Amino acid sequence: MKIVRRVGASPRQRGSRNGQTCPDIFELNDGSFAVIGTDRTNELEHKLPPDASRADYERIVVITRETLLRAKGDIPDQ
């Protein structure tokens, strides 16, 4: 698996002083997306809607609204 490109603005472009330890979104060569965010699994798992669940190997990751909105234009429609 390879990272093909960043999706959206870099942390520095979003105002991070050092450009590190900030949420980020990447497109992978298989068309999937990788997300760097804050692990909030323990806090949010019991608040998921009844029709949502996660596998033991999955985590609930939170990113800022700005991170996702700035990435919106780079996410393909198909």
C-alpha atoms as a PDB file:
ATOM      1  CA  MET A   1       0.000   0.000   0.000  1.00  0.00           C
ATOM      2  CA  LYS A   2       1.300   3.438  -0.954  1.00  0.00           C
ATOM      3  CA  ILE A   3       0.262   7.005  -0.207  1.00  0.00           C
ATOM      4  CA  VAL A   4      -0.540   8.631  -3.533  1.00  0.00           C
ATOM      5  CA  ARG A   5      -1.330  12.161  -2.379  1.00  0.00           C
ATOM      6  CA  ARG A   6      -2.516  14.394   0.423  1.00  0.00           C
ATOM      7  CA  VAL A   7      -6.194  15.271   0.203  1.00  0.00           C
ATOM      8  CA  GLY A   8      -6.857  18.883   1.141  1.00  0.00           C
ATOM      9  CA  ALA A   9      -4.605  21.457   2.724  1.00  0.00           C
ATOM     10  CA  SER A  10      -1.503  20.505   4.681  1.00  0.00           C
ATOM     11  CA  PRO A  11      -1.451  21.134   8.435  1.00  0.00           C
ATOM     12  CA  ARG A  12       0.838  24.123   7.847  1.00  0.00           C
ATOM     13  CA  GLN A  13      -1.638  25.583   5.313  1.00  0.00           C
ATOM     14  CA  ARG A  14      -4.367  25.162   7.939  1.00  0.00           C
ATOM     15  CA  GLY A  15      -2.361  27.189  10.461  1.00  0.00           C
ATOM     16  CA  SER A  16      -0.262  24.623  12.330  1.00  0.00           C
ATOM     17  CA  ARG A  17       2.819  26.389  13.624  1.00  0.00           C
ATOM     18  CA  ASN A  18       5.157  23.451  13.218  1.00  0.00           C
ATOM     19  CA  GLY A  19       3.197  21.438  10.601  1.00  0.00           C
ATOM     20  CA  GLN A  20       3.321  18.327  12.764  1.00  0.00           C
ATOM     21  CA  THR A  21       0.936  16.310  14.920  1.00  0.00           C
ATOM     22  CA  CYS A  22      -2.156  17.570  13.113  1.00  0.00           C
ATOM     23  CA  PRO A  23      -5.061  15.778  11.438  1.00  0.00           C
ATOM     24  CA  ASP A  24      -4.442  14.819   7.823  1.00  0.00           C
ATOM     25  CA  ILE A  25      -6.067  12.828   5.019  1.00  0.00           C
ATOM     26  CA  PHE A  26      -4.268  10.821   2.331  1.00  0.00           C
ATOM     27  CA  GLU A  27      -5.444   8.902  -0.725  1.00  0.00           C
ATOM     28  CA  LEU A  28      -3.898   5.447  -1.096  1.00  0.00           C
ATOM     29  CA  ASN A  29      -2.997   3.687  -4.324  1.00  0.00           C
ATOM     30  CA  ASP A  30      -5.952   1.283  -3.961  1.00  0.00           C
ATOM     31  CA  GLY A  31      -8.422   4.200  -3.793  1.00  0.00           C
ATOM     32  CA  SER A  32      -8.857   4.017  -0.007  1.00  0.00           C
ATOM     33  CA  PHE A  33      -8.182   6.939   2.305  1.00  0.00           C
ATOM     34  CA  ALA A  34      -5.935   7.044   5.362  1.00  0.00           C
ATOM     35  CA  VAL A  35      -6.764   9.491   8.143  1.00  0.00           C
ATOM     36  CA  ILE A  36      -4.513  10.845  10.875  1.00  0.00           C
ATOM     37  CA  GLY A  37      -6.679  12.010  13.733  1.00  0.00           C
ATOM     38  CA  THR A  38      -7.316  11.711  17.442  1.00  0.00           C
ATOM     39  CA  ASP A  39      -8.383   8.252  18.607  1.00  0.00           C
ATOM     40  CA  ARG A  40     -11.744   8.732  20.363  1.00  0.00           C
ATOM     41  CA  THR A  41     -12.907   5.111  20.230  1.00  0.00           C
ATOM     42  CA  ASN A  42     -13.390   4.729  23.983  1.00  0.00           C
ATOM     43  CA  GLU A  43     -15.321   7.983  24.218  1.00  0.00           C
ATOM     44  CA  LEU A  44     -17.598   7.543  21.177  1.00  0.00           C
ATOM     45  CA  GLU A  45     -18.122   3.808  20.685  1.00  0.00           C
ATOM     46  CA  HIS A  46     -21.108   3.589  23.034  1.00  0.00           C
ATOM     47  CA  LYS A  47     -22.638   6.661  21.334  1.00  0.00           C
ATOM     48  CA  LEU A  48     -22.722   5.168  17.833  1.00  0.00           C
ATOM     49  CA  PRO A  49     -26.159   4.850  16.193  1.00  0.00           C
ATOM     50  CA  PRO A  50     -27.745   1.377  16.459  1.00  0.00           C
ATOM     51  CA  ASP A  51     -26.921   0.557  12.827  1.00  0.00           C
ATOM     52  CA  ALA A  52     -23.194   1.405  13.199  1.00  0.00           C
ATOM     53  CA  SER A  53     -20.449  -0.793  14.599  1.00  0.00           C
ATOM     54  CA  ARG A  54     -16.717  -1.331  14.349  1.00  0.00           C
ATOM     55  CA  ALA A  55     -14.447  -4.343  14.214  1.00  0.00           C
ATOM     56  CA  ASP A  56     -11.822  -4.926  16.904  1.00  0.00           C
ATOM     57  CA  TYR A  57      -9.124  -3.721  14.506  1.00  0.00           C
ATOM     58  CA  GLU A  58     -10.987  -0.463  13.662  1.00  0.00           C
ATOM     59  CA  ARG A  59     -10.750   2.808  15.586  1.00  0.00           C
ATOM     60  CA  ILE A  60     -13.022   5.850  15.701  1.00  0.00           C
ATOM     61  CA  VAL A  61     -10.809   8.744  14.683  1.00  0.00           C
ATOM     62  CA  VAL A  62     -11.778  12.407  14.981  1.00  0.00           C
ATOM     63  CA  ILE A  63     -10.493  15.120  12.662  1.00  0.00           C
ATOM     64  CA  THR A  64     -11.357  18.797  12.705  1.00  0.00           C
ATOM     65  CA  ARG A  65     -14.213  20.114  10.609  1.00  0.00           C
ATOM     66  CA  GLU A  66     -11.740  22.380   8.795  1.00  0.00           C
ATOM     67  CA  THR A  67      -9.595  19.392   7.815  1.00  0.00           C
ATOM     68  CA  LEU A  68     -12.526  17.646   6.136  1.00  0.00           C
ATOM     69  CA  LEU A  69     -13.976  20.766   4.534  1.00  0.00           C
ATOM     70  CA  ARG A  70     -10.592  21.731   3.071  1.00  0.00           C
ATOM     71  CA  ALA A  71     -10.273  18.187   1.663  1.00  0.00           C
ATOM     72  CA  LYS A  72     -13.759  18.155   0.104  1.00  0.00           C
ATOM     73  CA  GLY A  73     -12.627  19.666  -3.195  1.00  0.00           C
ATOM     74  CA  ASP A  74      -9.904  17.016  -3.604  1.00  0.00           C
ATOM     75  CA  ILE A  75     -12.166  14.020  -3.010  1.00  0.00           C
ATOM     76  CA  PRO A  76     -13.260  12.453  -6.305  1.00  0.00           C
ATOM     77  CA  ASP A  77     -16.974  11.990  -7.004  1.00  0.00           C
ATOM     78  CA  GLN A  78     -16.402   8.386  -8.074  1.00  0.00           C
END
